[in-house]
Amino acid sequence: MKALVYHGPGKRAWEEHPKPVPKESTDAVVKILRTTICGTDLHILKGDLPEVTTGRILGHEGVGVVEETGKAVTNFKKGDRVIVSCVTACGKCVNCKKAMYSHCTDGGWILGYRIDGTQAEYVRIPHADNSLYAVPKGADEEALVMLSDILPTGFECGVLNGTVKPGDVVAIVGAGPIGLAALMTAKFYSPSEIILVDLDDNRLEVSRKFGATKLVNSSDGKAASRIMEMTQNRGVDVAIEAVGVRDTFDICQAIVTAGGHIANIGVHGKSVELHLERLWSQNITLTTRLVDTATTAMLLKTVLSKSLRPEQLITHRFAIDDMAKAYDTFGNAARERALKVLITAAGA
């Protein structure tokens, strides 16, 4: 089969790779019909996650059809169309019992990280009964790809961890796909303002279409002061960090109000400075989280009812053999005006 293979920082190739087979009785092999690229994949390619070894197939999102199952798989059979969760869950360990699936002792985020992922023609899914979701008949499978990762990530790590409430003033720093997913799902709780911050005017205008009430371009380094002016120097109730770099984390620290929340979503490949000399007395809450996908089933209902329209995040479409071109486009998102790129197998 063909797969997108990581060969060390800055090196990737669309190349032949052995087709996976079940290794355990709880495994399934899924033929990928649709997949996408995540910002985390770009972090891996930069070398920010050194645990990823040379020869790893990247990717942790997708919709596909079950090709083969181990003997212990009971929820799925050959021919079933499924959503692949970015998080693998055994459903039995102490962390799974707490719905903290990201820290499953025999799973968690392993696809495209510890084991081969979804940017390939086929992928092996451990603990398939707890790590796949059935695709309802007639559902928009392009929209469902967004349920693999970005929707539950934006919702759980940003909105739920930030405890967004009716009337809150929310700032989301980073208007990429994850930040936009946080914007879409923050609206569940009727905040009074949703301020979007980004370097890219195009992404900010897209944010307006998705419901942002105020936009701040941070390219001049004055985003924090402008947000403080917007809020009469009070600051924001919830500051969601959706990039994973020092500058965006600093903005969140500068704008959070007393008693407010900083909810970190971004993947940080380098250290940041926590300004406790200023924040120690401010009663703030700082949260971090790796997505658990505990809300995927609920979010699926909102997508099926059209309450959420995540397919609107797709800006570019590619055939699976154009994986390299898809990476080039997503890796130059500002120039290409890219949000999510959809990669589709022949005949899907």
C-alpha atoms as a PDB file:
ATOM      1  CA  MET A   1       0.000   0.000   0.000  1.00  0.00           C
ATOM      2  CA  LYS A   2       0.974   3.673  -0.227  1.00  0.00           C
ATOM      3  CA  ALA A   3       1.530   5.743   2.930  1.00  0.00           C
ATOM      4  CA  LEU A   4       2.926   9.100   4.083  1.00  0.00           C
ATOM      5  CA  VAL A   5       6.062   8.123   5.995  1.00  0.00           C
ATOM      6  CA  TYR A   6       8.134  10.275   8.361  1.00  0.00           C
ATOM      7  CA  HIS A   7      11.899  10.016   7.858  1.00  0.00           C
ATOM      8  CA  GLY A   8      13.139  12.484  10.449  1.00  0.00           C
ATOM      9  CA  PRO A   9      12.724  16.256  10.906  1.00  0.00           C
ATOM     10  CA  GLY A  10      11.786  17.906   7.628  1.00  0.00           C
ATOM     11  CA  LYS A  11      11.679  14.614   5.718  1.00  0.00           C
ATOM     12  CA  ARG A  12       8.549  12.834   4.505  1.00  0.00           C
ATOM     13  CA  ALA A  13       7.703  10.574   1.581  1.00  0.00           C
ATOM     14  CA  TRP A  14       4.603   9.110  -0.080  1.00  0.00           C
ATOM     15  CA  GLU A  15       5.874   5.590  -0.600  1.00  0.00           C
ATOM     16  CA  GLU A  16       5.163   1.872  -0.559  1.00  0.00           C
ATOM     17  CA  HIS A  17       4.686   0.328   2.865  1.00  0.00           C
ATOM     18  CA  PRO A  18       3.478  -3.092   4.035  1.00  0.00           C
ATOM     19  CA  LYS A  19      -0.287  -3.350   4.446  1.00  0.00           C
ATOM     20  CA  PRO A  20      -1.196  -3.795   8.132  1.00  0.00           C
ATOM     21  CA  VAL A  21      -2.818  -6.914   9.565  1.00  0.00           C
ATOM     22  CA  PRO A  22      -4.465  -7.467  12.959  1.00  0.00           C
ATOM     23  CA  LYS A  23      -1.873  -8.101  15.658  1.00  0.00           C
ATOM     24  CA  GLU A  24      -4.315  -8.637  18.515  1.00  0.00           C
ATOM     25  CA  SER A  25      -7.783 -10.153  18.622  1.00  0.00           C
ATOM     26  CA  THR A  26      -9.205  -6.710  19.454  1.00  0.00           C
ATOM     27  CA  ASP A  27      -7.713  -5.049  16.338  1.00  0.00           C
ATOM     28  CA  ALA A  28      -9.411  -3.975  13.136  1.00  0.00           C
ATOM     29  CA  VAL A  29      -7.856  -3.012   9.822  1.00  0.00           C
ATOM     30  CA  VAL A  30      -9.622  -0.090   8.158  1.00  0.00           C
ATOM     31  CA  LYS A  31      -9.371   0.951   4.522  1.00  0.00           C
ATOM     32  CA  ILE A  32      -9.074   4.744   4.595  1.00  0.00           C
ATOM     33  CA  LEU A  33     -11.613   6.574   2.442  1.00  0.00           C
ATOM     34  CA  ARG A  34     -11.032  10.118   3.699  1.00  0.00           C
ATOM     35  CA  THR A  35      -8.336  11.615   5.880  1.00  0.00           C
ATOM     36  CA  THR A  36      -6.774  14.987   6.616  1.00  0.00           C
ATOM     37  CA  ILE A  37      -3.666  16.654   8.026  1.00  0.00           C
ATOM     38  CA  CYS A  38      -3.431  18.084  11.540  1.00  0.00           C
ATOM     39  CA  GLY A  39      -1.219  20.842  12.884  1.00  0.00           C
ATOM     40  CA  THR A  40       0.284  18.185  15.139  1.00  0.00           C
ATOM     41  CA  ASP A  41       1.569  16.386  12.031  1.00  0.00           C
ATOM     42  CA  LEU A  42       3.457  19.570  11.161  1.00  0.00           C
ATOM     43  CA  HIS A  43       4.877  19.695  14.693  1.00  0.00           C
ATOM     44  CA  ILE A  44       6.143  16.124  14.187  1.00  0.00           C
ATOM     45  CA  LEU A  45       7.750  17.053  10.879  1.00  0.00           C
ATOM     46  CA  LYS A  46       9.534  19.964  12.558  1.00  0.00           C
ATOM     47  CA  GLY A  47      11.005  17.554  15.106  1.00  0.00           C
ATOM     48  CA  ASP A  48       8.953  18.929  18.012  1.00  0.00           C
ATOM     49  CA  LEU A  49       7.937  15.394  19.087  1.00  0.00           C
ATOM     50  CA  PRO A  50      11.182  13.393  19.125  1.00  0.00           C
ATOM     51  CA  GLU A  51       9.379  10.264  20.332  1.00  0.00           C
ATOM     52  CA  VAL A  52       8.122   9.792  16.754  1.00  0.00           C
ATOM     53  CA  THR A  53      10.587   7.412  15.134  1.00  0.00           C
ATOM     54  CA  THR A  54      11.841   7.316  11.564  1.00  0.00           C
ATOM     55  CA  GLY A  55       9.616   5.147   9.386  1.00  0.00           C
ATOM     56  CA  ARG A  56       6.365   6.063  11.142  1.00  0.00           C
ATOM     57  CA  ILE A  57       3.222   6.566   9.042  1.00  0.00           C
ATOM     58  CA  LEU A  58       1.661   9.852  10.136  1.00  0.00           C
ATOM     59  CA  GLY A  59      -1.985  10.803  10.634  1.00  0.00           C
ATOM     60  CA  HIS A  60      -4.662  10.213  13.261  1.00  0.00           C
ATOM     61  CA  GLU A  61      -7.911  11.279  11.555  1.00  0.00           C
ATOM     62  CA  GLY A  62     -10.161   9.654   9.037  1.00  0.00           C
ATOM     63  CA  VAL A  63     -13.260   7.862   7.855  1.00  0.00           C
ATOM     64  CA  GLY A  64     -13.005   4.425   6.306  1.00  0.00           C
ATOM     65  CA  VAL A  65     -14.471   0.982   5.836  1.00  0.00           C
ATOM     66  CA  VAL A  66     -13.595  -2.047   7.950  1.00  0.00           C
ATOM     67  CA  GLU A  67     -11.448  -4.454   5.957  1.00  0.00           C
ATOM     68  CA  GLU A  68     -10.695  -7.092   8.596  1.00  0.00           C
ATOM     69  CA  THR A  69     -11.297  -7.667  12.307  1.00  0.00           C
ATOM     70  CA  GLY A  70      -9.749  -9.714  15.065  1.00  0.00           C
ATOM     71  CA  LYS A  71     -11.832 -12.457  16.665  1.00  0.00           C
ATOM     72  CA  ALA A  72     -12.661 -10.408  19.765  1.00  0.00           C
ATOM     73  CA  VAL A  73     -14.137  -7.424  17.867  1.00  0.00           C
ATOM     74  CA  THR A  74     -17.920  -7.504  18.312  1.00  0.00           C
ATOM     75  CA  ASN A  75     -19.178  -4.002  17.427  1.00  0.00           C
ATOM     76  CA  PHE A  76     -17.906  -3.918  13.848  1.00  0.00           C
ATOM     77  CA  LYS A  77     -17.610  -6.231  10.878  1.00  0.00           C
ATOM     78  CA  LYS A  78     -16.088  -6.196   7.406  1.00  0.00           C
ATOM     79  CA  GLY A  79     -17.786  -3.572   5.239  1.00  0.00           C
ATOM     80  CA  ASP A  80     -18.874  -1.248   8.068  1.00  0.00           C
ATOM     81  CA  ARG A  81     -18.122   2.430   7.481  1.00  0.00           C
ATOM     82  CA  VAL A  82     -16.477   3.997  10.518  1.00  0.00           C
ATOM     83  CA  ILE A  83     -14.989   7.175  11.980  1.00  0.00           C
ATOM     84  CA  VAL A  84     -11.472   6.619  13.288  1.00  0.00           C
ATOM     85  CA  SER A  85     -10.932   8.301  16.657  1.00  0.00           C
ATOM     86  CA  CYS A  86      -7.570   9.970  17.159  1.00  0.00           C
ATOM     87  CA  VAL A  87      -7.488   8.369  20.613  1.00  0.00           C
ATOM     88  CA  THR A  88      -7.319   4.613  21.152  1.00  0.00           C
ATOM     89  CA  ALA A  89      -9.114   3.352  24.273  1.00  0.00           C
ATOM     90  CA  CYS A  90      -9.110  -0.116  25.803  1.00  0.00           C
ATOM     91  CA  GLY A  91     -12.164   0.814  27.898  1.00  0.00           C
ATOM     92  CA  LYS A  92     -10.937  -1.228  30.859  1.00  0.00           C
ATOM     93  CA  CYS A  93      -7.919   0.456  32.483  1.00  0.00           C
ATOM     94  CA  VAL A  94      -8.056   2.879  35.429  1.00  0.00           C
ATOM     95  CA  ASN A  95      -7.816   5.940  33.167  1.00  0.00           C
ATOM     96  CA  CYS A  96     -10.476   4.713  30.740  1.00  0.00           C
ATOM     97  CA  LYS A  97     -12.773   4.137  33.708  1.00  0.00           C
ATOM     98  CA  LYS A  98     -12.413   7.884  34.395  1.00  0.00           C
ATOM     99  CA  ALA A  99     -13.163   8.674  30.711  1.00  0.00           C
ATOM    100  CA  MET A 100      -9.562   9.909  30.434  1.00  0.00           C
ATOM    101  CA  TYR A 101      -9.030   7.908  27.269  1.00  0.00           C
ATOM    102  CA  SER A 102      -6.050  10.008  26.195  1.00  0.00           C
ATOM    103  CA  HIS A 103      -4.096   8.298  28.964  1.00  0.00           C
ATOM    104  CA  CYS A 104      -5.327   4.764  28.343  1.00  0.00           C
ATOM    105  CA  THR A 105      -2.561   2.490  29.629  1.00  0.00           C
ATOM    106  CA  ASP A 106      -2.717   0.472  26.392  1.00  0.00           C
ATOM    107  CA  GLY A 107      -3.633   3.265  24.010  1.00  0.00           C
ATOM    108  CA  GLY A 108      -4.249   6.999  24.142  1.00  0.00           C
ATOM    109  CA  TRP A 109      -2.900   9.116  21.319  1.00  0.00           C
ATOM    110  CA  ILE A 110      -0.799   6.516  19.536  1.00  0.00           C
ATOM    111  CA  LEU A 111      -1.949   6.705  15.890  1.00  0.00           C
ATOM    112  CA  GLY A 112       0.657   8.461  13.789  1.00  0.00           C
ATOM    113  CA  TYR A 113       2.723   8.873  16.947  1.00  0.00           C
ATOM    114  CA  ARG A 114       3.605   5.582  18.614  1.00  0.00           C
ATOM    115  CA  ILE A 115       2.123   3.354  15.920  1.00  0.00           C
ATOM    116  CA  ASP A 116       1.373   3.798  12.215  1.00  0.00           C
ATOM    117  CA  GLY A 117      -1.437   6.200  11.420  1.00  0.00           C
ATOM    118  CA  THR A 118      -4.177   7.071   8.978  1.00  0.00           C
ATOM    119  CA  GLN A 119      -2.389   8.878   6.140  1.00  0.00           C
ATOM    120  CA  ALA A 120      -2.252   5.632   4.227  1.00  0.00           C
ATOM    121  CA  GLU A 121      -4.479   3.338   2.233  1.00  0.00           C
ATOM    122  CA  TYR A 122      -4.997   1.093   5.291  1.00  0.00           C
ATOM    123  CA  VAL A 123      -4.534   1.477   9.036  1.00  0.00           C
ATOM    124  CA  ARG A 124      -4.591  -0.939  11.977  1.00  0.00           C
ATOM    125  CA  ILE A 125      -6.827   0.212  14.842  1.00  0.00           C
ATOM    126  CA  PRO A 126      -6.182  -1.337  18.272  1.00  0.00           C
ATOM    127  CA  HIS A 127      -9.160  -1.819  20.621  1.00  0.00           C
ATOM    128  CA  ALA A 128     -11.482  -1.292  17.688  1.00  0.00           C
ATOM    129  CA  ASP A 129     -14.707  -1.677  19.656  1.00  0.00           C
ATOM    130  CA  ASN A 130     -13.850   1.416  21.723  1.00  0.00           C
ATOM    131  CA  SER A 131     -11.849   3.358  19.134  1.00  0.00           C
ATOM    132  CA  LEU A 132     -14.169   3.433  16.110  1.00  0.00           C
ATOM    133  CA  TYR A 133     -17.599   5.038  15.631  1.00  0.00           C
ATOM    134  CA  ALA A 134     -20.201   3.801  13.186  1.00  0.00           C
ATOM    135  CA  VAL A 135     -21.019   6.150  10.318  1.00  0.00           C
ATOM    136  CA  PRO A 136     -24.808   6.598  10.155  1.00  0.00           C
ATOM    137  CA  LYS A 137     -26.347   5.849   6.766  1.00  0.00           C
ATOM    138  CA  GLY A 138     -26.494   8.912   4.554  1.00  0.00           C
ATOM    139  CA  ALA A 139     -24.202  11.016   6.755  1.00  0.00           C
ATOM    140  CA  ASP A 140     -21.841  13.559   5.201  1.00  0.00           C
ATOM    141  CA  GLU A 141     -18.535  11.735   5.586  1.00  0.00           C
ATOM    142  CA  GLU A 142     -16.509  14.862   4.837  1.00  0.00           C
ATOM    143  CA  ALA A 143     -18.024  16.474   7.940  1.00  0.00           C
ATOM    144  CA  LEU A 144     -17.419  13.344   9.994  1.00  0.00           C
ATOM    145  CA  VAL A 145     -13.668  13.441   9.364  1.00  0.00           C
ATOM    146  CA  MET A 146     -13.654  16.507  11.642  1.00  0.00           C
ATOM    147  CA  LEU A 147     -14.964  14.329  14.476  1.00  0.00           C
ATOM    148  CA  SER A 148     -11.752  12.310  14.553  1.00  0.00           C
ATOM    149  CA  ASP A 149      -9.870  15.092  16.292  1.00  0.00           C
ATOM    150  CA  ILE A 150     -10.428  18.818  15.838  1.00  0.00           C
ATOM    151  CA  LEU A 151     -14.032  19.095  17.070  1.00  0.00           C
ATOM    152  CA  PRO A 152     -13.549  17.109  20.292  1.00  0.00           C
ATOM    153  CA  THR A 153     -10.146  18.758  20.798  1.00  0.00           C
ATOM    154  CA  GLY A 154     -11.453  22.299  20.495  1.00  0.00           C
ATOM    155  CA  PHE A 155     -14.488  21.465  22.625  1.00  0.00           C
ATOM    156  CA  GLU A 156     -12.859  19.425  25.392  1.00  0.00           C
ATOM    157  CA  CYS A 157      -9.480  21.129  25.736  1.00  0.00           C
ATOM    158  CA  GLY A 158     -10.745  24.646  25.105  1.00  0.00           C
ATOM    159  CA  VAL A 159     -14.434  25.080  25.859  1.00  0.00           C
ATOM    160  CA  LEU A 160     -14.998  22.469  28.572  1.00  0.00           C
ATOM    161  CA  ASN A 161     -11.638  22.933  30.284  1.00  0.00           C
ATOM    162  CA  GLY A 162     -12.162  26.693  30.120  1.00  0.00           C
ATOM    163  CA  THR A 163     -15.639  26.249  31.659  1.00  0.00           C
ATOM    164  CA  VAL A 164     -17.217  28.672  29.188  1.00  0.00           C
ATOM    165  CA  LYS A 165     -20.522  29.958  30.614  1.00  0.00           C
ATOM    166  CA  PRO A 166     -23.413  32.105  29.363  1.00  0.00           C
ATOM    167  CA  GLY A 167     -22.354  35.736  29.261  1.00  0.00           C
ATOM    168  CA  ASP A 168     -18.616  35.064  29.380  1.00  0.00           C
ATOM    169  CA  VAL A 169     -16.126  37.041  27.341  1.00  0.00           C
ATOM    170  CA  VAL A 170     -13.991  34.472  25.524  1.00  0.00           C
ATOM    171  CA  ALA A 171     -10.776  35.062  23.596  1.00  0.00           C
ATOM    172  CA  ILE A 172      -9.427  32.359  21.300  1.00  0.00           C
ATOM    173  CA  VAL A 173      -5.802  32.955  20.374  1.00  0.00           C
ATOM    174  CA  GLY A 174      -5.232  31.189  17.067  1.00  0.00           C
ATOM    175  CA  ALA A 175      -7.807  31.025  14.269  1.00  0.00           C
ATOM    176  CA  GLY A 176      -6.616  27.816  12.668  1.00  0.00           C
ATOM    177  CA  PRO A 177      -8.839  24.718  12.487  1.00  0.00           C
ATOM    178  CA  ILE A 178      -8.545  23.975  16.222  1.00  0.00           C
ATOM    179  CA  GLY A 179      -9.302  27.555  17.203  1.00  0.00           C
ATOM    180  CA  LEU A 180     -12.285  27.585  14.854  1.00  0.00           C
ATOM    181  CA  ALA A 181     -13.511  24.297  16.345  1.00  0.00           C
ATOM    182  CA  ALA A 182     -13.338  25.928  19.777  1.00  0.00           C
ATOM    183  CA  LEU A 183     -15.264  28.911  18.385  1.00  0.00           C
ATOM    184  CA  MET A 184     -17.981  26.708  16.907  1.00  0.00           C
ATOM    185  CA  THR A 185     -18.491  24.736  20.094  1.00  0.00           C
ATOM    186  CA  ALA A 186     -18.144  27.698  22.491  1.00  0.00           C
ATOM    187  CA  LYS A 187     -21.378  28.973  20.998  1.00  0.00           C
ATOM    188  CA  PHE A 188     -23.173  26.057  22.720  1.00  0.00           C
ATOM    189  CA  TYR A 189     -22.844  28.094  25.953  1.00  0.00           C
ATOM    190  CA  SER A 190     -23.885  31.555  24.702  1.00  0.00           C
ATOM    191  CA  PRO A 191     -20.874  33.665  25.652  1.00  0.00           C
ATOM    192  CA  SER A 192     -21.467  37.403  25.271  1.00  0.00           C
ATOM    193  CA  GLU A 193     -18.304  37.949  23.225  1.00  0.00           C
ATOM    194  CA  ILE A 194     -15.940  35.696  21.302  1.00  0.00           C
ATOM    195  CA  ILE A 195     -12.737  37.501  20.366  1.00  0.00           C
ATOM    196  CA  LEU A 196     -10.527  35.798  17.772  1.00  0.00           C
ATOM    197  CA  VAL A 197      -6.820  36.587  17.610  1.00  0.00           C
ATOM    198  CA  ASP A 198      -4.528  35.635  14.717  1.00  0.00           C
ATOM    199  CA  LEU A 199      -1.743  36.904  12.470  1.00  0.00           C
ATOM    200  CA  ASP A 200      -3.740  36.144   9.313  1.00  0.00           C
ATOM    201  CA  ASP A 201      -6.523  38.500   8.206  1.00  0.00           C
ATOM    202  CA  ASN A 202      -8.065  35.800   6.013  1.00  0.00           C
ATOM    203  CA  ARG A 203      -8.474  33.451   8.968  1.00  0.00           C
ATOM    204  CA  LEU A 204      -9.897  36.265  11.031  1.00  0.00           C
ATOM    205  CA  GLU A 205     -12.528  36.955   8.379  1.00  0.00           C
ATOM    206  CA  VAL A 206     -13.399  33.248   8.323  1.00  0.00           C
ATOM    207  CA  SER A 207     -13.761  33.480  12.112  1.00  0.00           C
ATOM    208  CA  ARG A 208     -16.333  36.233  11.685  1.00  0.00           C
ATOM    209  CA  LYS A 209     -18.387  33.938   9.447  1.00  0.00           C
ATOM    210  CA  PHE A 210     -18.293  31.292  12.170  1.00  0.00           C
ATOM    211  CA  GLY A 211     -19.562  33.689  14.836  1.00  0.00           C
ATOM    212  CA  ALA A 212     -16.620  35.659  16.231  1.00  0.00           C
ATOM    213  CA  THR A 213     -17.842  39.014  17.548  1.00  0.00           C
ATOM    214  CA  LYS A 214     -14.468  40.806  17.516  1.00  0.00           C
ATOM    215  CA  LEU A 215     -11.251  40.250  15.568  1.00  0.00           C
ATOM    216  CA  VAL A 216      -7.690  41.148  16.541  1.00  0.00           C
ATOM    217  CA  ASN A 217      -4.690  40.879  14.233  1.00  0.00           C
ATOM    218  CA  SER A 218      -1.691  40.173  16.466  1.00  0.00           C
ATOM    219  CA  SER A 219       1.047  40.827  13.902  1.00  0.00           C
ATOM    220  CA  ASP A 220       2.056  44.156  15.491  1.00  0.00           C
ATOM    221  CA  GLY A 221       2.563  42.681  18.969  1.00  0.00           C
ATOM    222  CA  LYS A 222      -0.221  44.788  20.483  1.00  0.00           C
ATOM    223  CA  ALA A 223      -3.037  42.234  20.633  1.00  0.00           C
ATOM    224  CA  ALA A 224      -3.112  42.049  24.433  1.00  0.00           C
ATOM    225  CA  SER A 225      -3.358  45.811  24.900  1.00  0.00           C
ATOM    226  CA  ARG A 226      -6.159  46.060  22.333  1.00  0.00           C
ATOM    227  CA  ILE A 227      -8.133  43.279  24.027  1.00  0.00           C
ATOM    228  CA  MET A 228      -7.733  45.015  27.375  1.00  0.00           C
ATOM    229  CA  GLU A 229      -9.111  48.205  25.783  1.00  0.00           C
ATOM    230  CA  MET A 230     -12.048  46.234  24.329  1.00  0.00           C
ATOM    231  CA  THR A 231     -12.882  44.890  27.783  1.00  0.00           C
ATOM    232  CA  GLN A 232     -12.440  48.214  29.638  1.00  0.00           C
ATOM    233  CA  ASN A 233      -9.228  46.804  31.160  1.00  0.00           C
ATOM    234  CA  ARG A 234     -11.118  43.945  32.800  1.00  0.00           C
ATOM    235  CA  GLY A 235      -9.747  41.179  30.596  1.00  0.00           C
ATOM    236  CA  VAL A 236     -11.489  38.022  29.405  1.00  0.00           C
ATOM    237  CA  ASP A 237     -13.168  35.294  31.404  1.00  0.00           C
ATOM    238  CA  VAL A 238     -11.704  32.519  29.251  1.00  0.00           C
ATOM    239  CA  ALA A 239      -8.506  32.707  27.202  1.00  0.00           C
ATOM    240  CA  ILE A 240      -8.067  29.698  24.908  1.00  0.00           C
ATOM    241  CA  GLU A 241      -4.545  29.090  23.553  1.00  0.00           C
ATOM    242  CA  ALA A 242      -4.890  27.300  20.221  1.00  0.00           C
ATOM    243  CA  VAL A 243      -1.427  27.492  18.642  1.00  0.00           C
ATOM    244  CA  GLY A 244       1.295  26.197  20.958  1.00  0.00           C
ATOM    245  CA  VAL A 245       3.972  28.922  20.885  1.00  0.00           C
ATOM    246  CA  ARG A 246       5.354  31.427  23.392  1.00  0.00           C
ATOM    247  CA  ASP A 247       3.733  34.523  21.878  1.00  0.00           C
ATOM    248  CA  THR A 248       0.196  33.154  21.926  1.00  0.00           C
ATOM    249  CA  PHE A 249       0.571  31.789  25.463  1.00  0.00           C
ATOM    250  CA  ASP A 250       1.866  35.204  26.576  1.00  0.00           C
ATOM    251  CA  ILE A 251      -1.216  36.887  25.117  1.00  0.00           C
ATOM    252  CA  CYS A 252      -3.455  34.569  27.118  1.00  0.00           C
ATOM    253  CA  GLN A 253      -1.596  35.357  30.336  1.00  0.00           C
ATOM    254  CA  ALA A 254      -1.837  39.087  29.675  1.00  0.00           C
ATOM    255  CA  ILE A 255      -5.595  39.191  29.008  1.00  0.00           C
ATOM    256  CA  VAL A 256      -7.126  36.756  31.516  1.00  0.00           C
ATOM    257  CA  THR A 257      -9.238  38.465  34.171  1.00  0.00           C
ATOM    258  CA  ALA A 258      -9.081  37.810  37.893  1.00  0.00           C
ATOM    259  CA  GLY A 259     -10.827  34.505  38.516  1.00  0.00           C
ATOM    260  CA  GLY A 260     -10.617  33.598  34.846  1.00  0.00           C
ATOM    261  CA  HIS A 261      -9.400  30.546  32.967  1.00  0.00           C
ATOM    262  CA  ILE A 262      -6.519  29.922  30.580  1.00  0.00           C
ATOM    263  CA  ALA A 263      -7.285  26.757  28.616  1.00  0.00           C
ATOM    264  CA  ASN A 264      -4.277  25.505  26.694  1.00  0.00           C
ATOM    265  CA  ILE A 265      -4.932  23.457  23.560  1.00  0.00           C
ATOM    266  CA  GLY A 266      -1.772  24.065  21.535  1.00  0.00           C
ATOM    267  CA  VAL A 267       1.016  21.493  21.180  1.00  0.00           C
ATOM    268  CA  HIS A 268       4.088  23.157  22.695  1.00  0.00           C
ATOM    269  CA  GLY A 269       7.353  21.991  21.167  1.00  0.00           C
ATOM    270  CA  LYS A 270       9.364  24.586  23.111  1.00  0.00           C
ATOM    271  CA  SER A 271       9.151  25.949  26.639  1.00  0.00           C
ATOM    272  CA  VAL A 272       7.080  28.975  27.549  1.00  0.00           C
ATOM    273  CA  GLU A 273       7.334  31.299  30.529  1.00  0.00           C
ATOM    274  CA  LEU A 274       4.589  31.229  33.159  1.00  0.00           C
ATOM    275  CA  HIS A 275       4.306  34.707  34.692  1.00  0.00           C
ATOM    276  CA  LEU A 276       3.500  33.731  38.242  1.00  0.00           C
ATOM    277  CA  GLU A 277       5.039  36.985  39.461  1.00  0.00           C
ATOM    278  CA  ARG A 278       1.841  38.588  38.151  1.00  0.00           C
ATOM    279  CA  LEU A 279      -0.680  35.750  38.208  1.00  0.00           C
ATOM    280  CA  TRP A 280      -0.015  34.188  41.632  1.00  0.00           C
ATOM    281  CA  SER A 281      -2.668  36.380  43.290  1.00  0.00           C
ATOM    282  CA  GLN A 282      -5.227  36.471  40.490  1.00  0.00           C
ATOM    283  CA  ASN A 283      -7.277  33.344  41.268  1.00  0.00           C
ATOM    284  CA  ILE A 284      -6.873  32.085  37.714  1.00  0.00           C
ATOM    285  CA  THR A 285      -7.146  28.491  36.563  1.00  0.00           C
ATOM    286  CA  LEU A 286      -4.686  27.145  33.996  1.00  0.00           C
ATOM    287  CA  THR A 287      -5.627  23.872  32.342  1.00  0.00           C
ATOM    288  CA  THR A 288      -3.868  21.556  29.937  1.00  0.00           C
ATOM    289  CA  ARG A 289      -5.349  18.528  28.252  1.00  0.00           C
ATOM    290  CA  LEU A 290      -4.823  15.955  25.582  1.00  0.00           C
ATOM    291  CA  VAL A 291      -8.153  15.309  23.904  1.00  0.00           C
ATOM    292  CA  ASP A 292     -10.006  12.335  25.415  1.00  0.00           C
ATOM    293  CA  THR A 293     -12.687  12.104  22.694  1.00  0.00           C
ATOM    294  CA  ALA A 294     -15.194  11.531  25.493  1.00  0.00           C
ATOM    295  CA  THR A 295     -17.594  13.909  23.717  1.00  0.00           C
ATOM    296  CA  THR A 296     -17.386  12.421  20.217  1.00  0.00           C
ATOM    297  CA  ALA A 297     -20.753  10.650  20.405  1.00  0.00           C
ATOM    298  CA  MET A 298     -22.486  13.851  21.516  1.00  0.00           C
ATOM    299  CA  LEU A 299     -20.744  15.940  18.862  1.00  0.00           C
ATOM    300  CA  LEU A 300     -21.743  13.383  16.231  1.00  0.00           C
ATOM    301  CA  LYS A 301     -25.394  14.073  17.078  1.00  0.00           C
ATOM    302  CA  THR A 302     -24.896  17.814  16.619  1.00  0.00           C
ATOM    303  CA  VAL A 303     -23.249  17.256  13.235  1.00  0.00           C
ATOM    304  CA  LEU A 304     -26.021  14.922  12.076  1.00  0.00           C
ATOM    305  CA  SER A 305     -28.655  17.484  13.113  1.00  0.00           C
ATOM    306  CA  LYS A 306     -26.716  20.217  11.248  1.00  0.00           C
ATOM    307  CA  SER A 307     -26.336  22.193  14.489  1.00  0.00           C
ATOM    308  CA  LEU A 308     -22.629  22.065  13.690  1.00  0.00           C
ATOM    309  CA  ARG A 309     -21.353  22.316  10.118  1.00  0.00           C
ATOM    310  CA  PRO A 310     -17.669  21.317  10.377  1.00  0.00           C
ATOM    311  CA  GLU A 311     -17.456  20.592   6.645  1.00  0.00           C
ATOM    312  CA  GLN A 312     -17.260  24.367   6.255  1.00  0.00           C
ATOM    313  CA  LEU A 313     -13.698  24.148   7.578  1.00  0.00           C
ATOM    314  CA  ILE A 314     -12.595  22.279   4.435  1.00  0.00           C
ATOM    315  CA  THR A 315     -10.860  24.632   2.018  1.00  0.00           C
ATOM    316  CA  HIS A 316      -8.905  22.222  -0.209  1.00  0.00           C
ATOM    317  CA  ARG A 317      -9.494  18.720  -1.560  1.00  0.00           C
ATOM    318  CA  PHE A 318      -6.917  16.250  -2.856  1.00  0.00           C
ATOM    319  CA  ALA A 319      -6.788  12.695  -4.141  1.00  0.00           C
ATOM    320  CA  ILE A 320      -4.868  10.392  -1.841  1.00  0.00           C
ATOM    321  CA  ASP A 321      -1.998  10.061  -4.327  1.00  0.00           C
ATOM    322  CA  ASP A 322      -1.564  13.836  -4.063  1.00  0.00           C
ATOM    323  CA  MET A 323      -0.660  13.556  -0.369  1.00  0.00           C
ATOM    324  CA  ALA A 324       2.626  15.436  -0.868  1.00  0.00           C
ATOM    325  CA  LYS A 325       0.793  18.328  -2.514  1.00  0.00           C
ATOM    326  CA  ALA A 326      -1.750  18.332   0.324  1.00  0.00           C
ATOM    327  CA  TYR A 327       1.117  18.678   2.823  1.00  0.00           C
ATOM    328  CA  ASP A 328       2.681  21.500   0.840  1.00  0.00           C
ATOM    329  CA  THR A 329      -0.648  23.328   0.813  1.00  0.00           C
ATOM    330  CA  PHE A 330      -1.389  22.809   4.510  1.00  0.00           C
ATOM    331  CA  GLY A 331       2.190  23.651   5.468  1.00  0.00           C
ATOM    332  CA  ASN A 332       1.786  27.023   3.724  1.00  0.00           C
ATOM    333  CA  ALA A 333      -1.659  27.693   5.119  1.00  0.00           C
ATOM    334  CA  ALA A 334      -1.470  31.494   5.148  1.00  0.00           C
ATOM    335  CA  ARG A 335      -0.303  31.733   1.542  1.00  0.00           C
ATOM    336  CA  GLU A 336      -2.777  29.090   0.344  1.00  0.00           C
ATOM    337  CA  ARG A 337      -5.636  30.279   2.578  1.00  0.00           C
ATOM    338  CA  ALA A 338      -5.934  26.731   3.859  1.00  0.00           C
ATOM    339  CA  LEU A 339      -7.868  25.489   6.866  1.00  0.00           C
ATOM    340  CA  LYS A 340      -8.576  21.772   6.640  1.00  0.00           C
ATOM    341  CA  VAL A 341      -7.430  19.823   3.599  1.00  0.00           C
ATOM    342  CA  LEU A 342      -9.496  16.759   2.726  1.00  0.00           C
ATOM    343  CA  ILE A 343      -7.717  13.778   1.186  1.00  0.00           C
ATOM    344  CA  THR A 344      -9.933  11.221  -0.521  1.00  0.00           C
ATOM    345  CA  ALA A 345      -9.216   7.700  -1.775  1.00  0.00           C
ATOM    346  CA  ALA A 346     -10.261   6.659  -5.259  1.00  0.00           C
ATOM    347  CA  GLY A 347     -13.842   5.397  -5.337  1.00  0.00           C
ATOM    348  CA  ALA A 348     -14.693   6.740  -1.861  1.00  0.00           C
END
